[in-house]
Amino acid sequence: MSAPLAPRRTRTVDLELMTREELIELAKKQSITNREKTQYIAHLEELVKDITNQSSNEKVCPAAAVDSGEVTTAEVSQLQHSLLQLQQEIEQERVAFAQDMSRSEELITALREQLEEKTREFQTLRETGSTVLTQSDGIVAAQAKVLEASVQERVRELREYDRLERENHKNRINQLENELQRLRESQQITAQQYTASSGGPSAEAIRESIDREVKEKVEQWQDRVRTVVEQDRKTIQDLRNELSRYQDSDLETQSREEAMHALQQEVEQLKAQLAEAQRSHDEVAVASEVKCREVMESREEAMHALQQEVEQLKAQLAEAQRSHDEVAVASEVKCREVMESREEAMHALQQEVEQLKAQLAEAQRSHDEVAVASEVKCREVMESREEAMHALQQEVEQLKAQLAEAQRSHDEVAVASEVKCREVMESREEAMHALQQEVEQLKAQLAEAQRSHDEVAEGVACDNSASLPLTSKVVEWMDAVGAALSQSDKEETVLVSSLDGWHAEGNRRDEIFCKVIQVFRASMANLQSELLNVAGECVKLKRRVVELQALGKCGVA
């Protein structure tokens, strides 16, 4: 790849002042420059393709084909425009190449960091696995590695020694062959000289004796070399056998490492299972907490509803109290005493309701303690709740007894009022009877006066003066009787209306009290069922926790 071209200094040139030859030369230079830049871009694209393994967008930058003929001004301006575009494209390619290089360096850095992290994890796992192996296995593996290294070192030394020995033997054989060749040449020369001087048979005998000695020496050297080679082969074979034994032990060590790796994987799986069990336990705990919160909210709503009902009852009680006060003004002392006794009973009922609310709050606190405490605490709280429920039932029975007592007192008051009304009616009847007797007496007196008036006709003046007081007296008595009758009727009407109103108010209060008792019983039954449900949820949660603990112990084992 050619080196990038250095940026040239630009200068302003007026093309109209240039000659035809200068324009042609300039066009040729630009064509050569464009060709070089095109080659440089192609090299850059190849480099980017090698680095990013992605094919870059092929850009065709045609070089300006300039003939050796005439070049016009339009062609020159077109060449300048294409040159400017080419420079811009080259700059863009350079920026893109720098960005790709920076991204590639970042990717390489990230991959190196990942590789180092994986290497550290592998080293950590390897150290963890090596610590699990027994000390004897570690000693055997270390000895095997040391022995293998020593055997390999010994084999290398023997091979080097064998190579040096062979080279020495080869050099020695070459020296002997060279000496033999020189001896043969010298013998041939001496034999030729001797043959030329004395004759051939003696020279041939000398040559044969020399050849025989040389062959014997060569055979001796070859035997020695064979002996050394055999010894080296035996040593190498022994070392190879020992190396194979060490390799077998190394294979056993590898199999142990594989088994250790399998155990590590199994431990990881058990850890994952334990984490899953812990997560499920947390989910169950969260669900139970949400359930307890919902139960608490529902109970708070029930308490709020009960409080509203109590407020309504208080308002109704105040209204009844006002109506009772109005009735008490018009009724007698006995009615006041009865209403006071009823007020005391209602006050006692309010106190009992407050006690029940306090006991309900205590039961709520005990339920919160049940949600946190252990099974024994749950059992104790359930027993305390059963006692509280028993106490509530006893209190309900007491309320029933008090209600019966109030009903009985109400009946007694009604009977007393009826007796009182009967007495009043009897007294009124006696008064009417007495009035009727007086009227009869007055009528008899009037008849007697009329008869005496008829008999004494002469004394009109005297009779008139006597009859006028008598008539006025009769009229007064009649007016008094009428007023007494009207007053008696009014009193009877007021008494009957007050008695009816008191009966209606008593019946209405009895109905309200019965409704309150029924609502309270229903709320207590709902509370008891919710407490039983919460106790069942606590037992299930405890069993789930025990199962998860057993599963965690099994996973750890």
Protein backbone atom coordinates (compact mmCIF):
# COMPACT_ATOMS: atom_id res chain seq x y z
CA MET A 1 0.00 0.00 0.00
CA SER A 2 1.35 3.36 -1.01
CA ALA A 3 1.84 6.07 1.57
CA PRO A 4 -0.76 8.87 1.73
CA LEU A 5 0.00 11.89 -0.38
CA ALA A 6 1.16 15.00 1.43
CA PRO A 7 -1.15 17.98 0.99
CA ARG A 8 0.18 20.46 -1.56
CA ARG A 9 0.17 24.15 -1.28
CA THR A 10 -2.58 25.68 -3.40
CA ARG A 11 -2.17 28.71 -5.61
CA THR A 12 -4.60 30.68 -7.73
CA VAL A 13 -4.13 30.23 -11.48
CA ASP A 14 -5.93 32.09 -14.26
CA LEU A 15 -6.62 29.48 -16.92
CA GLU A 16 -7.35 32.11 -19.58
CA LEU A 17 -3.77 33.36 -19.38
CA MET A 18 -2.27 29.87 -19.77
CA THR A 19 -1.21 28.49 -23.13
CA ARG A 20 -2.56 25.36 -24.75
CA GLU A 21 0.54 23.29 -23.87
CA GLU A 22 0.38 24.41 -20.22
CA LEU A 23 -3.29 23.46 -20.03
CA ILE A 24 -2.53 20.02 -21.51
CA GLU A 25 0.35 19.53 -19.04
CA LEU A 26 -1.88 20.62 -16.14
CA ALA A 27 -4.62 18.22 -17.26
CA LYS A 28 -2.11 15.37 -17.44
CA LYS A 29 -0.83 16.15 -13.95
CA GLN A 30 -4.38 16.24 -12.59
CA SER A 31 -5.14 12.95 -14.32
CA ILE A 32 -2.06 11.34 -12.75
CA THR A 33 -2.98 12.82 -9.37
CA ASN A 34 -6.54 11.54 -9.68
CA ARG A 35 -5.30 8.07 -10.61
CA GLU A 36 -2.96 8.01 -7.62
CA LYS A 37 -5.76 9.17 -5.32
CA THR A 38 -8.08 6.53 -6.76
CA GLN A 39 -5.47 3.86 -6.02
CA TYR A 40 -5.02 5.28 -2.53
CA ILE A 41 -8.79 5.16 -1.93
CA ALA A 42 -8.88 1.57 -3.18
CA HIS A 43 -6.07 0.68 -0.75
CA LEU A 44 -7.96 2.44 2.06
CA GLU A 45 -11.12 0.48 1.22
CA GLU A 46 -9.17 -2.78 1.31
CA LEU A 47 -7.66 -1.81 4.65
CA VAL A 48 -11.07 -0.93 6.10
CA LYS A 49 -12.50 -4.18 4.72
CA ASP A 50 -9.68 -6.15 6.37
CA ILE A 51 -10.16 -4.38 9.70
CA THR A 52 -13.95 -4.29 9.98
CA ASN A 53 -14.69 -7.39 7.82
CA GLN A 54 -17.35 -5.36 6.13
CA SER A 55 -17.46 -4.31 2.56
CA SER A 56 -17.47 -0.56 2.21
CA ASN A 57 -19.64 1.18 -0.25
CA GLU A 58 -17.93 1.09 -3.56
CA LYS A 59 -17.42 4.47 -4.90
CA VAL A 60 -16.47 4.95 -8.46
CA CYS A 61 -14.20 7.84 -8.92
CA PRO A 62 -13.42 7.80 -12.58
CA ALA A 63 -10.20 9.38 -13.56
CA ALA A 64 -10.35 12.08 -16.07
CA ALA A 65 -9.37 10.57 -19.34
CA VAL A 66 -7.36 13.18 -21.13
CA ASP A 67 -6.31 12.62 -24.67
CA SER A 68 -3.17 13.94 -26.12
CA GLY A 69 -5.38 16.11 -28.33
CA GLU A 70 -6.99 19.40 -27.57
CA VAL A 71 -8.44 20.25 -24.13
CA THR A 72 -11.07 22.96 -23.86
CA THR A 73 -11.72 25.35 -21.00
CA ALA A 74 -14.99 23.53 -20.12
CA GLU A 75 -13.12 20.25 -19.80
CA VAL A 76 -10.50 21.91 -17.61
CA SER A 77 -13.20 23.39 -15.32
CA GLN A 78 -14.93 19.99 -15.24
CA LEU A 79 -11.61 18.42 -14.27
CA GLN A 80 -11.13 21.02 -11.54
CA HIS A 81 -14.65 20.38 -10.24
CA SER A 82 -14.11 16.62 -10.25
CA LEU A 83 -10.75 17.18 -8.52
CA LEU A 84 -12.45 19.22 -5.79
CA GLN A 85 -15.12 16.53 -5.35
CA LEU A 86 -12.40 13.91 -5.22
CA GLN A 87 -10.55 15.84 -2.52
CA GLN A 88 -13.76 16.13 -0.51
CA GLU A 89 -14.46 12.43 -0.93
CA ILE A 90 -10.88 11.61 0.09
CA GLU A 91 -11.27 13.78 3.21
CA GLN A 92 -14.57 12.07 4.01
CA GLU A 93 -12.97 8.67 3.49
CA ARG A 94 -10.11 9.71 5.74
CA VAL A 95 -12.53 10.80 8.50
CA ALA A 96 -14.57 7.61 8.08
CA PHE A 97 -11.38 5.54 8.16
CA ALA A 98 -10.27 7.31 11.37
CA GLN A 99 -13.70 6.70 12.92
CA ASP A 100 -13.62 3.04 11.88
CA MET A 101 -10.12 2.74 13.31
CA SER A 102 -11.25 4.30 16.60
CA ARG A 103 -14.30 2.02 16.74
CA SER A 104 -12.12 -0.97 15.92
CA GLU A 105 -9.67 0.02 18.66
CA GLU A 106 -12.54 0.42 21.12
CA LEU A 107 -13.93 -2.96 20.08
CA ILE A 108 -10.50 -4.56 20.44
CA THR A 109 -10.07 -2.91 23.85
CA ALA A 110 -13.48 -4.14 24.96
CA LEU A 111 -12.73 -7.64 23.68
CA ARG A 112 -9.39 -7.60 25.49
CA GLU A 113 -11.10 -6.49 28.70
CA GLN A 114 -13.67 -9.26 28.28
CA LEU A 115 -10.87 -11.74 27.60
CA GLU A 116 -9.00 -10.60 30.71
CA GLU A 117 -12.19 -10.80 32.76
CA LYS A 118 -12.94 -14.30 31.45
CA THR A 119 -9.32 -15.26 32.12
CA ARG A 120 -9.59 -14.01 35.69
CA GLU A 121 -12.85 -15.88 36.14
CA PHE A 122 -11.27 -19.01 34.71
CA GLN A 123 -8.28 -18.63 37.01
CA THR A 124 -10.62 -18.10 39.97
CA LEU A 125 -12.66 -21.17 39.07
CA ARG A 126 -9.53 -23.15 38.49
CA GLU A 127 -8.12 -22.12 41.86
CA THR A 128 -11.47 -22.92 43.49
CA GLY A 129 -11.51 -26.34 41.84
CA SER A 130 -7.91 -27.03 42.75
CA THR A 131 -8.62 -26.25 46.42
CA VAL A 132 -11.41 -28.86 46.45
CA LEU A 133 -9.03 -31.63 45.37
CA THR A 134 -7.34 -33.59 48.09
CA GLN A 135 -3.80 -32.91 49.07
CA SER A 136 -2.64 -36.29 47.82
CA ASP A 137 -4.06 -35.66 44.36
CA GLY A 138 -2.36 -32.27 44.28
CA ILE A 139 0.95 -33.83 45.29
CA VAL A 140 0.60 -36.57 42.66
CA ALA A 141 -0.32 -34.02 39.97
CA ALA A 142 2.61 -31.80 40.96
CA GLN A 143 4.99 -34.76 40.96
CA ALA A 144 3.63 -35.90 37.61
CA LYS A 145 4.17 -32.45 36.13
CA VAL A 146 7.67 -32.24 37.60
CA LEU A 147 8.54 -35.75 36.37
CA GLU A 148 7.09 -35.02 32.96
CA ALA A 149 9.14 -31.84 32.73
CA SER A 150 12.28 -33.70 33.86
CA VAL A 151 11.62 -36.54 31.38
CA GLN A 152 11.08 -34.11 28.55
CA GLU A 153 14.25 -32.28 29.53
CA ARG A 154 16.10 -35.59 29.65
CA VAL A 155 14.71 -36.60 26.27
CA ARG A 156 15.81 -33.26 24.81
CA GLU A 157 19.26 -33.70 26.30
CA LEU A 158 19.52 -37.26 24.93
CA ARG A 159 18.35 -36.16 21.53
CA GLU A 160 20.84 -33.33 21.53
CA TYR A 161 23.55 -35.71 22.68
CA ASP A 162 22.53 -38.23 20.01
CA ARG A 163 22.56 -35.52 17.37
CA LEU A 164 25.98 -34.31 18.45
CA GLU A 165 27.28 -37.88 18.53
CA ARG A 166 25.93 -38.54 15.08
CA GLU A 167 27.44 -35.34 13.79
CA ASN A 168 30.74 -36.28 15.41
CA HIS A 169 30.54 -39.77 13.90
CA LYS A 170 29.64 -38.34 10.52
CA ASN A 171 32.50 -35.87 10.75
CA ARG A 172 34.79 -38.64 11.85
CA ILE A 173 33.62 -40.88 9.01
CA ASN A 174 34.08 -38.03 6.55
CA GLN A 175 37.56 -37.41 7.92
CA LEU A 176 38.35 -41.11 7.62
CA GLU A 177 36.94 -41.23 4.12
CA ASN A 178 38.98 -38.17 3.19
CA GLU A 179 42.08 -39.74 4.71
CA LEU A 180 41.25 -42.97 2.92
CA GLN A 181 40.85 -41.05 -0.31
CA ARG A 182 44.14 -39.29 0.23
CA LEU A 183 45.78 -42.58 1.12
CA ARG A 184 44.33 -44.19 -1.96
CA GLU A 185 45.48 -41.33 -4.09
CA SER A 186 48.95 -41.43 -2.52
CA GLN A 187 49.00 -45.22 -2.86
CA GLN A 188 47.94 -44.99 -6.46
CA ILE A 189 50.65 -42.48 -7.04
CA THR A 190 53.25 -44.58 -5.21
CA ALA A 191 51.88 -47.72 -6.83
CA GLN A 192 52.15 -46.16 -10.23
CA GLN A 193 55.63 -45.00 -9.43
CA TYR A 194 56.50 -48.39 -7.99
CA THR A 195 54.89 -50.14 -10.90
CA ALA A 196 56.70 -47.96 -13.22
CA SER A 197 59.93 -48.73 -11.40
CA SER A 198 59.56 -52.36 -10.26
CA GLY A 199 56.29 -54.01 -11.30
CA GLY A 200 52.59 -54.50 -10.31
CA PRO A 201 51.99 -57.48 -7.95
CA SER A 202 53.58 -55.92 -4.90
CA ALA A 203 51.55 -52.71 -5.35
CA GLU A 204 48.31 -54.62 -5.58
CA ALA A 205 49.13 -56.51 -2.40
CA ILE A 206 49.83 -53.28 -0.60
CA ARG A 207 46.58 -51.80 -1.87
CA GLU A 208 44.57 -54.80 -0.72
CA SER A 209 46.18 -54.78 2.71
CA ILE A 210 45.41 -51.07 3.09
CA ASP A 211 41.84 -51.57 1.95
CA ARG A 212 41.39 -54.43 4.36
CA GLU A 213 42.70 -52.39 7.29
CA VAL A 214 40.53 -49.47 6.35
CA LYS A 215 37.46 -51.73 6.12
CA GLU A 216 38.23 -53.23 9.49
CA LYS A 217 38.52 -49.78 11.08
CA VAL A 218 35.35 -48.65 9.38
CA GLU A 219 33.52 -51.76 10.61
CA GLN A 220 34.85 -51.17 14.11
CA TRP A 221 33.62 -47.58 14.00
CA GLN A 222 30.26 -48.72 12.64
CA ASP A 223 29.92 -51.32 15.41
CA ARG A 224 30.68 -48.72 18.00
CA VAL A 225 28.17 -46.33 16.45
CA ARG A 226 25.52 -49.10 16.31
CA THR A 227 26.18 -49.97 19.97
CA VAL A 228 25.84 -46.34 21.04
CA VAL A 229 22.72 -45.92 18.90
CA GLU A 230 21.15 -49.07 20.37
CA GLN A 231 21.91 -47.87 23.86
CA ASP A 232 20.40 -44.47 23.06
CA ARG A 233 17.35 -46.17 21.56
CA LYS A 234 16.88 -48.28 24.66
CA THR A 235 17.22 -45.20 26.86
CA ILE A 236 14.76 -43.29 24.67
CA GLN A 237 12.34 -46.24 24.78
CA ASP A 238 12.58 -46.38 28.56
CA LEU A 239 12.00 -42.66 28.78
CA ARG A 240 9.07 -42.97 26.40
CA ASN A 241 7.55 -45.72 28.53
CA GLU A 242 8.00 -43.59 31.60
CA LEU A 243 6.51 -40.63 29.73
CA SER A 244 3.51 -42.74 28.71
CA ARG A 245 3.01 -43.70 32.35
CA TYR A 246 3.13 -40.05 33.33
CA GLN A 247 0.74 -39.23 30.50
CA ASP A 248 -1.64 -41.88 31.84
CA SER A 249 -1.43 -40.29 35.26
CA ASP A 250 -1.96 -36.91 33.59
CA LEU A 251 -5.07 -38.30 31.88
CA GLU A 252 -6.33 -39.48 35.25
CA THR A 253 -5.66 -36.01 36.61
CA GLN A 254 -7.57 -34.50 33.68
CA SER A 255 -10.47 -36.89 34.31
CA ARG A 256 -10.45 -35.77 37.94
CA GLU A 257 -10.42 -32.16 36.81
CA GLU A 258 -13.37 -32.88 34.51
CA ALA A 259 -15.19 -34.53 37.41
CA MET A 260 -14.35 -31.50 39.53
CA HIS A 261 -15.68 -29.23 36.78
CA ALA A 262 -18.89 -31.28 36.68
CA LEU A 263 -19.16 -30.96 40.45
CA GLN A 264 -18.66 -27.20 40.14
CA GLN A 265 -21.43 -27.03 37.53
CA GLU A 266 -23.68 -29.04 39.82
CA VAL A 267 -22.84 -26.66 42.69
CA GLU A 268 -23.70 -23.70 40.44
CA GLN A 269 -27.02 -25.35 39.56
CA LEU A 270 -27.71 -25.93 43.26
CA LYS A 271 -26.85 -22.31 43.96
CA ALA A 272 -29.24 -21.22 41.21
CA GLN A 273 -31.94 -23.48 42.65
CA LEU A 274 -31.27 -22.08 46.12
CA ALA A 275 -31.51 -18.53 44.73
CA GLU A 276 -34.77 -19.46 43.01
CA ALA A 277 -36.09 -20.94 46.25
CA GLN A 278 -35.03 -17.81 48.13
CA ARG A 279 -36.73 -15.65 45.51
CA SER A 280 -39.93 -17.72 45.74
CA HIS A 281 -39.72 -17.46 49.54
CA ASP A 282 -39.38 -13.69 49.25
CA GLU A 283 -42.36 -13.61 46.87
CA VAL A 284 -44.41 -15.70 49.31
CA ALA A 285 -43.37 -13.40 52.16
CA VAL A 286 -44.30 -10.33 50.11
CA ALA A 287 -47.63 -11.94 49.15
CA SER A 288 -48.35 -12.79 52.79
CA GLU A 289 -47.43 -9.27 53.82
CA VAL A 290 -49.73 -7.85 51.13
CA LYS A 291 -52.48 -10.23 52.29
CA CYS A 292 -51.98 -9.15 55.91
CA ARG A 293 -52.02 -5.51 54.81
CA GLU A 294 -55.26 -6.10 52.90
CA VAL A 295 -56.76 -7.84 55.94
CA MET A 296 -55.63 -4.95 58.12
CA GLU A 297 -57.15 -2.45 55.69
CA SER A 298 -60.40 -4.42 55.56
CA ARG A 299 -60.45 -4.52 59.36
CA GLU A 300 -59.72 -0.83 59.54
CA GLU A 301 -62.61 -0.26 57.15
CA ALA A 302 -64.80 -2.48 59.34
CA MET A 303 -63.68 -0.53 62.41
CA HIS A 304 -64.41 2.71 60.56
CA ALA A 305 -67.86 1.38 59.63
CA LEU A 306 -68.41 0.34 63.25
CA GLN A 307 -67.31 3.76 64.42
CA GLN A 308 -69.71 5.38 61.97
CA GLU A 309 -72.49 3.12 63.19
CA VAL A 310 -71.59 4.00 66.78
CA GLU A 311 -71.69 7.70 65.84
CA GLN A 312 -75.07 7.15 64.22
CA LEU A 313 -76.21 5.32 67.32
CA LYS A 314 -74.92 8.18 69.44
CA ALA A 315 -76.81 10.65 67.25
CA GLN A 316 -79.91 8.51 67.47
CA LEU A 317 -79.35 8.22 71.19
CA ALA A 318 -79.08 12.01 71.45
CA GLU A 319 -82.24 12.36 69.39
CA ALA A 320 -83.95 9.80 71.60
CA GLN A 321 -82.64 11.66 74.62
CA ARG A 322 -84.15 14.89 73.38
CA SER A 323 -87.43 13.19 72.65
CA HIS A 324 -87.22 11.48 76.02
CA ASP A 325 -86.65 14.86 77.67
CA GLU A 326 -89.66 16.25 75.90
CA VAL A 327 -91.73 13.25 76.97
CA ALA A 328 -90.32 13.41 80.50
CA VAL A 329 -91.55 17.00 80.87
CA ALA A 330 -95.11 15.91 80.11
CA SER A 331 -95.01 12.56 81.94
CA GLU A 332 -94.77 11.69 85.58
CA VAL A 333 -91.89 10.96 87.96
CA LYS A 334 -92.10 7.25 87.30
CA CYS A 335 -91.48 7.79 83.61
CA ARG A 336 -88.41 9.93 84.44
CA GLU A 337 -87.02 7.19 86.66
CA VAL A 338 -87.59 4.60 83.92
CA MET A 339 -85.86 6.80 81.33
CA GLU A 340 -82.98 7.43 83.69
CA SER A 341 -82.63 3.70 84.18
CA ARG A 342 -82.68 3.29 80.40
CA GLU A 343 -80.03 6.02 80.07
CA GLU A 344 -77.89 4.20 82.58
CA ALA A 345 -78.39 1.01 80.58
CA MET A 346 -77.40 2.82 77.36
CA HIS A 347 -74.36 4.30 79.10
CA ALA A 348 -73.42 0.82 80.26
CA LEU A 349 -73.91 -0.39 76.71
CA GLN A 350 -71.64 2.40 75.41
CA GLN A 351 -69.00 1.46 77.92
CA GLU A 352 -69.30 -2.15 76.86
CA VAL A 353 -68.97 -1.07 73.21
CA GLU A 354 -65.81 0.87 74.13
CA GLN A 355 -64.51 -2.21 75.92
CA LEU A 356 -65.31 -4.29 72.85
CA LYS A 357 -63.44 -1.78 70.66
CA ALA A 358 -60.47 -1.93 73.02
CA GLN A 359 -60.60 -5.72 72.95
CA LEU A 360 -60.82 -5.57 69.15
CA ALA A 361 -57.75 -3.32 69.06
CA GLU A 362 -55.98 -5.75 71.38
CA ALA A 363 -56.96 -8.59 69.05
CA GLN A 364 -55.59 -6.55 66.12
CA ARG A 365 -52.27 -6.03 67.89
CA SER A 366 -52.13 -9.69 68.75
CA HIS A 367 -52.77 -10.48 65.07
CA ASP A 368 -49.82 -8.26 64.08
CA GLU A 369 -47.68 -10.12 66.57
CA VAL A 370 -48.94 -13.40 65.07
CA ALA A 371 -47.76 -12.30 61.58
CA VAL A 372 -44.22 -11.82 62.87
CA ALA A 373 -43.86 -14.37 65.66
CA SER A 374 -43.16 -18.09 65.34
CA GLU A 375 -45.60 -21.01 65.39
CA VAL A 376 -45.66 -21.14 69.20
CA LYS A 377 -46.45 -17.45 69.34
CA CYS A 378 -49.17 -18.01 66.74
CA ARG A 379 -50.64 -20.77 68.88
CA GLU A 380 -50.55 -18.55 71.98
CA VAL A 381 -52.13 -15.66 70.11
CA MET A 382 -54.83 -17.97 68.76
CA GLU A 383 -55.52 -19.17 72.29
CA SER A 384 -55.68 -15.57 73.51
CA ARG A 385 -58.02 -14.77 70.64
CA GLU A 386 -60.18 -17.73 71.49
CA GLU A 387 -60.32 -16.46 75.06
CA ALA A 388 -61.13 -12.98 73.75
CA MET A 389 -63.86 -14.44 71.56
CA HIS A 390 -65.17 -16.38 74.54
CA ALA A 391 -65.12 -13.18 76.57
CA LEU A 392 -66.89 -11.37 73.73
CA GLN A 393 -69.48 -14.11 73.61
CA GLN A 394 -69.94 -13.79 77.36
CA GLU A 395 -70.28 -10.04 76.97
CA VAL A 396 -72.81 -10.59 74.19
CA GLU A 397 -74.70 -12.91 76.53
CA GLN A 398 -74.51 -10.22 79.18
CA LEU A 399 -75.83 -7.72 76.63
CA LYS A 400 -78.65 -10.12 75.85
CA ALA A 401 -79.42 -10.43 79.57
CA GLN A 402 -79.30 -6.66 79.94
CA LEU A 403 -81.54 -6.32 76.90
CA ALA A 404 -83.99 -8.80 78.48
CA GLU A 405 -83.76 -6.84 81.74
CA ALA A 406 -84.43 -3.61 79.86
CA GLN A 407 -87.35 -5.27 78.10
CA ARG A 408 -88.68 -6.51 81.42
CA SER A 409 -88.29 -3.06 82.96
CA HIS A 410 -89.98 -1.62 79.89
CA ASP A 411 -92.84 -4.07 80.36
CA GLU A 412 -93.03 -3.20 84.03
CA VAL A 413 -93.10 0.48 83.16
CA ALA A 414 -95.79 -0.21 80.58
CA VAL A 415 -97.80 -2.19 83.14
CA ALA A 416 -97.28 0.57 85.71
CA SER A 417 -98.37 3.18 83.19
CA GLU A 418 -101.42 1.11 82.31
CA VAL A 419 -102.22 0.73 86.03
CA LYS A 420 -101.73 4.45 86.44
CA CYS A 421 -103.98 5.14 83.48
CA ARG A 422 -106.54 2.70 84.83
CA GLU A 423 -106.43 4.45 88.22
CA VAL A 424 -106.82 7.81 86.53
CA MET A 425 -109.71 6.51 84.51
CA GLU A 426 -111.30 5.03 87.63
CA SER A 427 -110.80 8.28 89.49
CA ARG A 428 -112.31 10.13 86.54
CA GLU A 429 -115.21 7.71 86.49
CA GLU A 430 -115.71 8.23 90.23
CA ALA A 431 -115.57 11.98 89.70
CA MET A 432 -118.07 11.70 86.86
CA HIS A 433 -120.28 9.51 89.01
CA ALA A 434 -120.07 12.06 91.85
CA LEU A 435 -120.87 14.85 89.36
CA GLN A 436 -123.79 12.89 88.02
CA GLN A 437 -125.08 12.38 91.57
CA GLU A 438 -124.72 16.10 92.23
CA VAL A 439 -126.56 16.82 88.96
CA GLU A 440 -129.33 14.46 90.01
CA GLN A 441 -129.50 16.16 93.37
CA LEU A 442 -129.63 19.54 91.64
CA LYS A 443 -132.33 18.29 89.32
CA ALA A 444 -134.33 17.00 92.33
CA GLN A 445 -133.85 20.31 94.10
CA LEU A 446 -134.89 22.12 90.91
CA ALA A 447 -138.05 19.99 90.64
CA GLU A 448 -138.81 20.58 94.31
CA ALA A 449 -138.34 24.34 93.86
CA GLN A 450 -140.55 24.31 90.78
CA ARG A 451 -143.23 22.46 92.69
CA SER A 452 -142.99 24.86 95.59
CA HIS A 453 -143.13 27.72 93.07
CA ASP A 454 -146.35 26.34 91.63
CA GLU A 455 -147.92 25.87 95.05
CA VAL A 456 -147.13 29.36 96.25
CA ALA A 457 -148.58 31.50 93.53
CA GLU A 458 -149.37 34.40 95.76
CA GLY A 459 -145.87 35.17 96.85
CA VAL A 460 -144.36 35.77 93.40
CA ALA A 461 -141.92 38.27 94.60
CA CYS A 462 -140.66 36.06 97.34
CA ASP A 463 -140.62 33.04 95.11
CA ASN A 464 -138.79 34.88 92.35
CA SER A 465 -136.15 36.10 94.74
CA ALA A 466 -135.66 32.50 95.93
CA SER A 467 -135.69 30.88 92.48
CA LEU A 468 -133.15 33.21 90.90
CA PRO A 469 -130.33 32.23 93.28
CA LEU A 470 -131.27 28.63 92.78
CA THR A 471 -131.19 28.91 88.97
CA SER A 472 -127.88 30.74 89.03
CA LYS A 473 -126.50 28.07 91.32
CA VAL A 474 -127.69 25.34 88.94
CA VAL A 475 -126.06 27.14 86.00
CA GLU A 476 -122.81 27.50 87.91
CA TRP A 477 -122.84 23.82 88.78
CA MET A 478 -123.50 22.93 85.15
CA ASP A 479 -120.65 25.13 83.96
CA ALA A 480 -118.34 23.61 86.56
CA VAL A 481 -119.36 20.11 85.46
CA GLY A 482 -118.75 20.99 81.79
CA ALA A 483 -115.35 22.53 82.57
CA ALA A 484 -114.39 19.49 84.65
CA LEU A 485 -115.48 17.19 81.85
CA SER A 486 -113.53 19.16 79.24
CA GLN A 487 -110.46 19.29 81.50
CA SER A 488 -110.77 15.56 82.09
CA ASP A 489 -111.02 14.94 78.35
CA LYS A 490 -107.95 17.08 77.72
CA GLU A 491 -105.96 15.30 80.42
CA GLU A 492 -107.09 11.96 79.04
CA THR A 493 -106.02 12.98 75.52
CA VAL A 494 -102.60 14.25 76.70
CA LEU A 495 -102.04 11.17 78.80
CA VAL A 496 -103.02 8.80 75.98
CA SER A 497 -100.84 10.67 73.46
CA SER A 498 -97.84 10.74 75.83
CA LEU A 499 -98.36 7.06 76.60
CA ASP A 500 -98.56 6.20 72.90
CA GLY A 501 -95.47 8.30 72.14
CA TRP A 502 -93.55 6.71 74.96
CA HIS A 503 -94.56 3.21 73.75
CA ALA A 504 -93.54 4.07 70.18
CA GLU A 505 -90.19 5.57 71.32
CA GLY A 506 -89.51 2.50 73.47
CA ASN A 507 -90.30 0.18 70.57
CA ARG A 508 -88.12 2.22 68.20
CA ARG A 509 -85.18 2.17 70.61
CA ASP A 510 -85.64 -1.55 71.14
CA GLU A 511 -85.53 -2.07 67.37
CA ILE A 512 -82.39 0.12 67.04
CA PHE A 513 -80.71 -1.73 69.88
CA CYS A 514 -81.58 -5.11 68.30
CA LYS A 515 -80.17 -3.91 64.97
CA VAL A 516 -76.94 -2.74 66.65
CA ILE A 517 -76.61 -6.11 68.39
CA GLN A 518 -77.16 -7.92 65.09
CA VAL A 519 -74.57 -5.76 63.28
CA PHE A 520 -72.13 -6.26 66.11
CA ARG A 521 -72.67 -10.04 65.99
CA ALA A 522 -72.16 -10.07 62.21
CA SER A 523 -68.97 -7.99 62.51
CA MET A 524 -67.67 -10.26 65.25
CA ALA A 525 -68.46 -13.34 63.12
CA ASN A 526 -66.62 -11.77 60.16
CA LEU A 527 -63.70 -10.90 62.41
CA GLN A 528 -63.60 -14.46 63.73
CA SER A 529 -63.64 -15.89 60.19
CA GLU A 530 -60.89 -13.47 59.12
CA LEU A 531 -58.82 -14.43 62.15
CA LEU A 532 -59.23 -18.10 61.24
CA ASN A 533 -58.21 -17.36 57.64
CA VAL A 534 -55.15 -15.41 58.80
CA ALA A 535 -54.21 -18.27 61.13
CA GLY A 536 -54.50 -20.70 58.21
CA GLU A 537 -52.34 -18.40 56.04
CA CYS A 538 -49.74 -18.22 58.82
CA VAL A 539 -49.66 -22.01 59.11
CA LYS A 540 -49.29 -22.36 55.33
CA LEU A 541 -46.52 -19.75 55.30
CA LYS A 542 -44.73 -21.57 58.14
CA ARG A 543 -44.95 -24.86 56.25
CA ARG A 544 -43.66 -23.17 53.12
CA VAL A 545 -40.72 -21.69 55.04
CA VAL A 546 -39.92 -25.14 56.52
CA GLU A 547 -40.04 -26.68 53.02
CA LEU A 548 -37.77 -23.96 51.62
CA GLN A 549 -35.33 -24.42 54.50
CA ALA A 550 -35.28 -28.18 53.88
CA LEU A 551 -34.76 -27.57 50.16
CA GLY A 552 -31.93 -25.12 50.92
CA LYS A 553 -30.29 -27.68 53.25
CA CYS A 554 -30.59 -30.35 50.53
CA GLY A 555 -29.06 -27.94 47.99
CA VAL A 556 -26.17 -27.10 50.31
CA ALA A 557 -25.62 -30.81 51.02
